[in-house]
Amino acid sequence: MAASIIPESRWTDVQFSNDEIARYSRHLIMPEVTLEGQKKLKAASILCIGTGGLGSPIALYLAAAGIGRLGLVDPDVVDFSNLQRQILHGTDDVGRKKLNSAKDKIKAVNPNVQVDLHDCLFRSENAMELVQDYDIIVDGTDNFPTRYLSNDVCVLTKKPNVYGSIFRFDGQATVFAPHLGGPCYRCMFPEPPPPGMVPSCAEGGVLGVLPGIIGVLQAIEAVKLILGVGDPLIGRLINFDALKMRFREFKVRPDPNCPICGKNPTIHELIDYEQFCGLPQADEEAKQEMAVPGISVVDLKAKLDRKDPFVLVDVREPYEYEICHIPGARLIPLGELPSRLSELDSADEIVLQCKGGTRSARALHVLSDAGFRKLYNLEGGIMEWADRVDPSMPKY
């Protein structure tokens, strides 16, 4: 059994109203919790990075459990595509700040919880200030720069980092806490994958109920750390396969050569995580965009109306094409493009199109390397087409 991370001096004088006693009664009669444990929960503070798929169940269940103070970090607004999994937000919240709808839902669940809102991106410039007043950091993000950042700031400030990730039907959860004898995220993933190698949930999708499972696991781990009960997921990673309904456990050991938590650390302060993960900076991104010949959706529509001779190639997946497509587009998924070059004529003018422009830009380079020259990338992809040309087209 682990010791509570909440010092006794912070919870001994905590008081409860009669309503709170009734609210938490099912906790109070558990020998592993009791009134003492509930005091620890009320004295605790947790920072949730993200109020999306993972952040929704994390925040709701921690609030219901009686965590005294929740901090929420999120700069985004609610979109229709969020509603399939982000249960903090409802249909009427579309267009609202996620922080505002999240606070309303949390307060409806438990008005006794203090909810602090941080309307910003979690970045190197503000991470230290954001985490310093919280006991536990729960990472509900979906990108590598933020994961490395949340890891590093937690290692440097000696705070537990409750980690979760989801993709399609698979999810993972663990607790990174070198100061408690475990590994950190860099011990498991010393280097980020090459940019574009691992698709995001926006590109690859995620089963709507999956973040409920993983987010609840993260919430459980946070509660256990506060109560000081059970065996926390320190040095253990849980993998959940929803298709097979199977949980598997993997050991994760500290790396003695880890650059931040190893015996001879070389990282002593926060770095530029976008650069570390190989993401283009603003000026580099602009140069890359200039290097890829583009065509706007308005100009493409004009070409179609004039019946200009060209080939429109959609490099999305068949199931995306089924949702919506531009009339006349030829479907050749990006992964099949190298083996299907013979279906295209290098003498033709070719416009490449995907959902937002990223995959079609990669397809353009594939064709360019194969000797094709009359190539254009549809700027903004089919989502831009839906916004500016055909508002009746469904967006996903």
Protein backbone atom coordinates (compact mmCIF):
# COMPACT_ATOMS: atom_id res chain seq x y z
CA MET A 1 0.00 0.00 0.00
CA ALA A 2 1.34 3.40 -0.94
CA ALA A 3 1.32 6.44 1.33
CA SER A 4 -0.98 9.33 0.52
CA ILE A 5 0.63 12.16 -1.41
CA ILE A 6 -1.41 14.64 0.66
CA PRO A 7 0.43 15.70 3.85
CA GLU A 8 -1.53 15.26 7.08
CA SER A 9 -1.29 18.94 7.92
CA ARG A 10 -3.54 19.74 4.94
CA TRP A 11 -6.46 17.45 5.69
CA THR A 12 -6.77 17.02 9.46
CA ASP A 13 -8.89 20.15 9.92
CA VAL A 14 -11.12 19.64 6.87
CA GLN A 15 -14.83 19.86 7.74
CA PHE A 16 -17.96 18.57 5.99
CA SER A 17 -21.55 19.77 5.97
CA ASN A 18 -24.37 17.31 6.57
CA ASP A 19 -25.15 17.43 2.84
CA GLU A 20 -21.57 16.46 2.04
CA ILE A 21 -21.69 13.60 4.52
CA ALA A 22 -24.77 12.30 2.74
CA ARG A 23 -23.22 12.87 -0.69
CA TYR A 24 -20.07 10.88 0.14
CA SER A 25 -21.72 8.29 2.40
CA ARG A 26 -20.84 5.33 0.15
CA HIS A 27 -17.20 6.37 0.46
CA LEU A 28 -17.33 6.92 4.21
CA ILE A 29 -18.46 3.38 4.94
CA MET A 30 -15.57 1.86 2.99
CA PRO A 31 -12.72 0.89 5.34
CA GLU A 32 -10.22 1.93 2.63
CA VAL A 33 -11.67 5.46 2.55
CA THR A 34 -13.61 6.47 5.71
CA LEU A 35 -13.96 10.06 6.81
CA GLU A 36 -10.19 10.44 6.89
CA GLY A 37 -9.82 9.48 3.24
CA GLN A 38 -12.65 11.79 2.20
CA LYS A 39 -10.85 14.62 3.96
CA LYS A 40 -7.76 13.87 1.88
CA LEU A 41 -9.86 14.01 -1.29
CA LYS A 42 -11.33 17.35 -0.31
CA ALA A 43 -7.89 18.72 0.52
CA ALA A 44 -6.45 17.59 -2.82
CA SER A 45 -6.06 19.56 -6.04
CA ILE A 46 -5.77 18.08 -9.54
CA LEU A 47 -4.92 19.74 -12.84
CA CYS A 48 -6.63 18.18 -15.87
CA ILE A 49 -4.90 19.01 -19.15
CA GLY A 50 -7.70 18.89 -21.70
CA THR A 51 -11.48 18.68 -21.36
CA GLY A 52 -12.06 16.44 -24.36
CA GLY A 53 -12.52 12.69 -24.70
CA LEU A 54 -10.32 11.71 -21.75
CA GLY A 55 -10.76 14.93 -19.79
CA SER A 56 -14.54 14.54 -19.69
CA PRO A 57 -14.78 11.34 -17.61
CA ILE A 58 -11.70 12.31 -15.63
CA ALA A 59 -13.17 15.63 -14.51
CA LEU A 60 -16.71 14.33 -13.94
CA TYR A 61 -15.69 11.39 -11.78
CA LEU A 62 -13.08 13.33 -9.81
CA ALA A 63 -15.67 16.00 -9.10
CA ALA A 64 -18.23 13.40 -8.04
CA ALA A 65 -15.62 11.76 -5.80
CA GLY A 66 -15.16 15.01 -3.90
CA ILE A 67 -11.81 16.35 -5.06
CA GLY A 68 -11.59 19.78 -3.48
CA ARG A 69 -10.13 21.71 -6.41
CA LEU A 70 -10.01 20.91 -10.11
CA GLY A 71 -8.01 22.93 -12.60
CA LEU A 72 -8.93 22.66 -16.27
CA VAL A 73 -6.65 23.62 -19.15
CA ASP A 74 -8.21 23.96 -22.60
CA PRO A 75 -8.33 26.78 -25.20
CA ASP A 76 -10.83 25.14 -27.58
CA VAL A 77 -14.51 25.59 -28.35
CA VAL A 78 -17.07 22.78 -28.60
CA ASP A 79 -17.53 21.31 -32.07
CA PHE A 80 -20.18 18.87 -33.30
CA SER A 81 -17.45 16.27 -33.88
CA ASN A 82 -16.67 16.33 -30.13
CA LEU A 83 -20.11 15.18 -29.00
CA GLN A 84 -19.63 11.50 -29.86
CA ARG A 85 -17.22 11.08 -26.90
CA GLN A 86 -16.73 14.33 -24.95
CA ILE A 87 -19.52 13.94 -22.41
CA LEU A 88 -18.71 17.18 -20.60
CA HIS A 89 -20.32 18.99 -23.53
CA GLY A 90 -23.78 18.83 -25.08
CA THR A 91 -25.45 19.86 -28.29
CA ASP A 92 -26.42 23.26 -26.89
CA ASP A 93 -22.75 23.89 -26.05
CA VAL A 94 -21.55 23.80 -29.68
CA GLY A 95 -19.64 27.03 -30.27
CA ARG A 96 -19.10 27.68 -26.54
CA LYS A 97 -15.75 27.59 -24.83
CA LYS A 98 -15.11 24.06 -23.61
CA LEU A 99 -14.01 25.42 -20.24
CA ASN A 100 -17.36 27.10 -19.70
CA SER A 101 -19.48 24.09 -20.60
CA ALA A 102 -17.16 21.86 -18.56
CA LYS A 103 -17.51 24.04 -15.47
CA ASP A 104 -21.30 24.09 -15.80
CA LYS A 105 -21.46 20.30 -16.02
CA ILE A 106 -19.01 19.78 -13.15
CA LYS A 107 -20.87 22.21 -10.89
CA ALA A 108 -24.13 20.43 -11.71
CA VAL A 109 -22.53 17.18 -10.55
CA ASN A 110 -20.94 18.59 -7.42
CA PRO A 111 -21.28 22.28 -6.48
CA ASN A 112 -18.78 21.81 -3.62
CA VAL A 113 -15.83 21.48 -5.98
CA GLN A 114 -13.73 24.55 -6.74
CA VAL A 115 -13.17 24.71 -10.52
CA ASP A 116 -10.31 26.86 -11.79
CA LEU A 117 -10.25 27.60 -15.52
CA HIS A 118 -7.07 28.08 -17.55
CA ASP A 119 -8.05 29.28 -21.01
CA CYS A 120 -4.75 28.64 -22.77
CA LEU A 121 -2.59 26.08 -24.47
CA PHE A 122 -0.35 24.07 -22.15
CA ARG A 123 3.06 25.31 -23.28
CA SER A 124 6.63 25.53 -22.07
CA GLU A 125 6.12 29.21 -21.26
CA ASN A 126 3.29 28.61 -18.76
CA ALA A 127 3.54 24.96 -17.70
CA MET A 128 5.59 25.53 -14.55
CA GLU A 129 3.23 28.21 -13.31
CA LEU A 130 0.15 26.12 -14.11
CA VAL A 131 1.23 22.95 -12.30
CA GLN A 132 2.88 24.44 -9.23
CA ASP A 133 -0.29 24.71 -7.10
CA TYR A 134 -1.68 21.23 -7.89
CA ASP A 135 -0.93 17.87 -6.29
CA ILE A 136 -1.50 15.67 -9.35
CA ILE A 137 -1.42 16.31 -13.08
CA VAL A 138 -3.76 14.22 -15.25
CA ASP A 139 -2.85 14.24 -18.93
CA GLY A 140 -5.88 14.03 -21.20
CA THR A 141 -4.16 15.32 -24.33
CA ASP A 142 -3.72 13.72 -27.74
CA ASN A 143 -0.45 15.05 -29.13
CA PHE A 144 3.19 14.22 -28.54
CA PRO A 145 4.58 17.70 -27.77
CA THR A 146 2.14 18.14 -24.86
CA ARG A 147 2.80 14.63 -23.56
CA TYR A 148 6.55 15.24 -23.42
CA LEU A 149 5.94 18.65 -21.88
CA SER A 150 3.57 17.34 -19.19
CA ASN A 151 6.07 14.57 -18.44
CA ASP A 152 9.03 16.90 -18.09
CA VAL A 153 7.27 19.49 -15.97
CA CYS A 154 6.02 16.75 -13.64
CA VAL A 155 9.49 15.23 -13.29
CA LEU A 156 11.05 18.62 -12.58
CA THR A 157 8.36 19.54 -10.01
CA LYS A 158 8.08 16.02 -8.53
CA LYS A 159 4.37 15.61 -9.22
CA PRO A 160 2.59 12.40 -10.36
CA ASN A 161 1.63 12.42 -14.02
CA VAL A 162 -1.44 10.23 -14.64
CA TYR A 163 -1.20 9.29 -18.30
CA GLY A 164 -3.78 8.01 -20.77
CA SER A 165 -3.98 7.62 -24.53
CA ILE A 166 -6.64 6.38 -26.95
CA PHE A 167 -6.85 5.47 -30.63
CA ARG A 168 -9.65 3.69 -32.45
CA PHE A 169 -10.36 0.64 -30.20
CA ASP A 170 -7.19 0.71 -28.07
CA GLY A 171 -6.25 2.62 -24.94
CA GLN A 172 -3.44 2.81 -22.40
CA ALA A 173 -3.05 4.14 -18.88
CA THR A 174 -0.22 4.40 -16.38
CA VAL A 175 1.27 6.70 -13.74
CA PHE A 176 4.63 8.33 -14.35
CA ALA A 177 6.30 9.29 -11.07
CA PRO A 178 10.10 8.98 -10.85
CA HIS A 179 10.06 10.67 -7.44
CA LEU A 180 7.94 7.74 -6.21
CA GLY A 181 10.27 5.13 -7.67
CA GLY A 182 8.74 4.70 -11.12
CA PRO A 183 9.68 5.61 -14.68
CA CYS A 184 8.71 8.66 -16.69
CA TYR A 185 7.25 8.98 -20.19
CA ARG A 186 10.73 9.38 -21.67
CA CYS A 187 11.76 6.04 -20.15
CA MET A 188 9.03 4.39 -22.23
CA PHE A 189 9.33 6.61 -25.32
CA PRO A 190 12.83 8.14 -25.48
CA GLU A 191 12.13 9.67 -28.89
CA PRO A 192 8.88 10.83 -30.50
CA PRO A 193 7.75 9.10 -33.69
CA PRO A 194 8.43 10.85 -37.00
CA PRO A 195 5.84 13.56 -37.76
CA GLY A 196 2.79 12.08 -39.47
CA MET A 197 3.75 8.49 -38.63
CA VAL A 198 1.07 8.12 -35.94
CA PRO A 199 -2.32 9.49 -37.03
CA SER A 200 -4.32 11.56 -34.57
CA CYS A 201 -7.85 10.66 -33.49
CA ALA A 202 -9.06 13.30 -35.93
CA GLU A 203 -7.37 11.37 -38.74
CA GLY A 204 -7.83 7.78 -37.57
CA GLY A 205 -10.94 7.99 -35.40
CA VAL A 206 -11.76 6.69 -31.94
CA LEU A 207 -14.60 4.61 -30.55
CA GLY A 208 -16.77 7.08 -28.66
CA VAL A 209 -17.03 5.05 -25.43
CA LEU A 210 -13.32 4.16 -25.27
CA PRO A 211 -12.17 7.39 -23.57
CA GLY A 212 -14.76 6.67 -20.89
CA ILE A 213 -12.88 3.50 -19.98
CA ILE A 214 -9.39 4.99 -20.05
CA GLY A 215 -10.42 8.28 -18.43
CA VAL A 216 -12.07 6.42 -15.56
CA LEU A 217 -8.86 4.39 -15.07
CA GLN A 218 -6.94 7.65 -14.83
CA ALA A 219 -9.44 9.04 -12.31
CA ILE A 220 -9.15 5.87 -10.21
CA GLU A 221 -5.37 6.17 -10.14
CA ALA A 222 -5.56 9.79 -9.03
CA VAL A 223 -7.94 8.87 -6.21
CA LYS A 224 -5.70 5.99 -5.08
CA LEU A 225 -2.67 8.29 -4.94
CA ILE A 226 -4.59 10.71 -2.75
CA LEU A 227 -6.00 8.05 -0.44
CA GLY A 228 -2.74 6.13 -0.27
CA VAL A 229 -4.44 2.78 -0.94
CA GLY A 230 -3.87 -0.14 -3.26
CA ASP A 231 -1.15 -0.53 -5.86
CA PRO A 232 -0.90 2.48 -8.17
CA LEU A 233 0.04 2.01 -11.82
CA ILE A 234 3.60 3.17 -11.16
CA GLY A 235 5.88 1.05 -13.31
CA ARG A 236 2.90 -0.73 -14.84
CA LEU A 237 1.10 0.13 -18.06
CA ILE A 238 -2.43 -1.14 -18.71
CA ASN A 239 -3.38 -1.72 -22.34
CA PHE A 240 -7.06 -2.14 -23.18
CA ASP A 241 -8.25 -3.72 -26.42
CA ALA A 242 -11.96 -2.97 -26.75
CA LEU A 243 -12.45 -5.29 -29.74
CA LYS A 244 -11.22 -8.30 -27.77
CA MET A 245 -12.39 -6.87 -24.43
CA ARG A 246 -8.98 -7.66 -23.02
CA PHE A 247 -6.74 -5.91 -20.52
CA ARG A 248 -3.00 -6.57 -20.62
CA GLU A 249 -0.37 -5.33 -18.19
CA PHE A 250 3.20 -4.42 -19.12
CA LYS A 251 6.09 -3.59 -16.84
CA VAL A 252 7.72 -0.23 -17.47
CA ARG A 253 11.05 0.19 -15.74
CA PRO A 254 13.00 3.38 -15.10
CA ASP A 255 15.73 3.98 -17.65
CA PRO A 256 19.00 4.78 -15.85
CA ASN A 257 20.07 6.69 -18.97
CA CYS A 258 16.86 8.73 -19.21
CA PRO A 259 17.80 12.33 -20.05
CA ILE A 260 15.48 13.79 -17.40
CA CYS A 261 14.97 11.21 -14.62
CA GLY A 262 18.09 9.03 -15.07
CA LYS A 263 21.29 8.97 -13.04
CA ASN A 264 22.90 11.75 -15.04
CA PRO A 265 20.08 13.91 -16.40
CA THR A 266 20.82 16.34 -19.21
CA ILE A 267 17.42 18.06 -19.23
CA HIS A 268 17.09 20.58 -16.41
CA GLU A 269 14.48 22.93 -17.84
CA LEU A 270 11.59 22.87 -20.28
CA ILE A 271 12.45 22.91 -23.98
CA ASP A 272 10.75 23.61 -27.33
CA TYR A 273 8.56 20.52 -27.63
CA GLU A 274 7.22 21.23 -31.11
CA GLN A 275 10.79 21.33 -32.36
CA PHE A 276 11.71 18.23 -30.32
CA CYS A 277 8.85 16.30 -31.92
CA GLY A 278 9.87 17.47 -35.39
CA LEU A 279 6.83 19.64 -35.96
CA PRO A 280 7.45 22.56 -38.33
CA GLN A 281 7.71 25.99 -36.80
CA ALA A 282 5.58 28.79 -38.23
CA ASP A 283 8.24 30.04 -40.66
CA GLU A 284 9.25 26.52 -41.69
CA GLU A 285 5.62 25.57 -42.16
CA ALA A 286 5.07 28.58 -44.37
CA LYS A 287 8.08 27.60 -46.46
CA GLN A 288 6.77 24.04 -46.78
CA GLU A 289 3.37 25.30 -47.86
CA MET A 290 5.00 27.53 -50.45
CA ALA A 291 6.96 24.53 -51.74
CA VAL A 292 3.73 22.59 -52.37
CA PRO A 293 1.78 23.98 -55.34
CA GLY A 294 -1.74 24.65 -54.15
CA ILE A 295 -5.14 25.40 -55.55
CA SER A 296 -8.03 26.96 -53.66
CA VAL A 297 -11.46 25.34 -53.50
CA VAL A 298 -12.89 28.35 -55.35
CA ASP A 299 -10.44 27.89 -58.21
CA LEU A 300 -11.13 24.14 -58.27
CA LYS A 301 -14.86 24.82 -58.52
CA ALA A 302 -14.20 27.17 -61.45
CA LYS A 303 -12.13 24.50 -63.19
CA LEU A 304 -14.93 21.97 -62.74
CA ASP A 305 -17.53 24.43 -64.03
CA ARG A 306 -15.39 25.18 -67.11
CA LYS A 307 -14.83 21.44 -67.61
CA ASP A 308 -11.08 21.98 -67.77
CA PRO A 309 -9.09 18.81 -68.49
CA PHE A 310 -7.55 17.57 -65.22
CA VAL A 311 -7.76 14.61 -62.82
CA LEU A 312 -9.02 15.06 -59.23
CA VAL A 313 -7.56 12.37 -56.94
CA ASP A 314 -9.00 11.81 -53.46
CA VAL A 315 -6.35 10.16 -51.24
CA ARG A 316 -8.59 9.53 -48.23
CA GLU A 317 -9.82 6.12 -47.12
CA PRO A 318 -12.90 4.49 -48.72
CA TYR A 319 -14.98 4.93 -45.57
CA GLU A 320 -14.22 8.66 -45.60
CA TYR A 321 -15.10 8.87 -49.28
CA GLU A 322 -18.45 7.26 -48.46
CA ILE A 323 -19.26 10.06 -46.00
CA CYS A 324 -18.73 12.79 -48.59
CA HIS A 325 -16.77 13.41 -51.75
CA ILE A 326 -16.38 15.94 -54.51
CA PRO A 327 -18.20 14.81 -57.68
CA GLY A 328 -15.81 13.33 -60.20
CA ALA A 329 -13.02 12.62 -57.70
CA ARG A 330 -11.07 9.41 -58.25
CA LEU A 331 -10.41 7.52 -55.01
CA ILE A 332 -6.82 6.29 -54.52
CA PRO A 333 -6.00 6.06 -50.77
CA LEU A 334 -2.59 7.45 -49.83
CA GLY A 335 -1.32 4.06 -48.65
CA GLU A 336 -2.15 2.50 -52.04
CA LEU A 337 -0.81 5.34 -54.15
CA PRO A 338 2.77 3.99 -54.71
CA SER A 339 1.40 0.70 -56.07
CA ARG A 340 -1.27 2.37 -58.23
CA LEU A 341 0.82 4.96 -60.06
CA SER A 342 0.11 3.17 -63.34
CA GLU A 343 -3.52 4.31 -63.05
CA LEU A 344 -2.39 7.92 -63.51
CA ASP A 345 -0.85 9.64 -66.52
CA SER A 346 2.10 11.93 -65.84
CA ALA A 347 1.00 14.08 -68.80
CA ASP A 348 -2.25 15.00 -67.01
CA GLU A 349 -2.78 17.89 -64.65
CA ILE A 350 -3.59 16.32 -61.28
CA VAL A 351 -5.25 17.91 -58.25
CA LEU A 352 -4.79 15.95 -55.00
CA GLN A 353 -7.34 16.20 -52.22
CA CYS A 354 -7.88 14.79 -48.71
CA LYS A 355 -9.76 15.91 -45.61
CA GLY A 356 -7.68 18.94 -44.66
CA GLY A 357 -4.70 19.04 -47.03
CA THR A 358 -2.02 17.17 -45.08
CA ARG A 359 -2.27 13.72 -46.63
CA SER A 360 -2.72 15.15 -50.12
CA ALA A 361 0.48 17.16 -49.62
CA ARG A 362 2.29 13.92 -48.84
CA ALA A 363 0.68 12.34 -51.90
CA LEU A 364 1.95 15.23 -54.00
CA HIS A 365 5.52 14.46 -52.93
CA VAL A 366 5.01 10.76 -53.76
CA LEU A 367 3.89 11.64 -57.28
CA SER A 368 6.58 14.29 -57.69
CA ASP A 369 9.27 11.76 -56.77
CA ALA A 370 7.79 9.43 -59.38
CA GLY A 371 8.22 12.01 -62.14
CA PHE A 372 4.80 13.69 -62.17
CA ARG A 373 5.03 17.45 -62.67
CA LYS A 374 1.57 18.98 -63.16
CA LEU A 375 0.51 18.63 -59.53
CA TYR A 376 -1.64 20.74 -57.20
CA ASN A 377 -2.76 20.24 -53.62
CA LEU A 378 -6.31 21.30 -52.71
CA GLU A 379 -5.83 23.84 -49.91
CA GLY A 380 -7.94 23.01 -46.88
CA GLY A 381 -9.17 19.77 -48.42
CA ILE A 382 -12.77 18.69 -48.59
CA MET A 383 -13.58 20.46 -45.30
CA GLU A 384 -12.71 23.76 -46.96
CA TRP A 385 -14.84 22.72 -49.94
CA ALA A 386 -17.78 22.14 -47.59
CA ASP A 387 -17.25 25.54 -45.94
CA ARG A 388 -16.83 27.66 -49.05
CA VAL A 389 -18.35 25.80 -52.00
CA ASP A 390 -20.98 23.28 -50.87
CA PRO A 391 -22.40 24.03 -47.39
CA SER A 392 -24.84 21.12 -47.82
CA MET A 393 -21.96 18.64 -47.71
CA PRO A 394 -21.63 16.80 -44.37
CA LYS A 395 -18.45 17.46 -42.36
CA TYR A 396 -16.73 14.92 -40.18
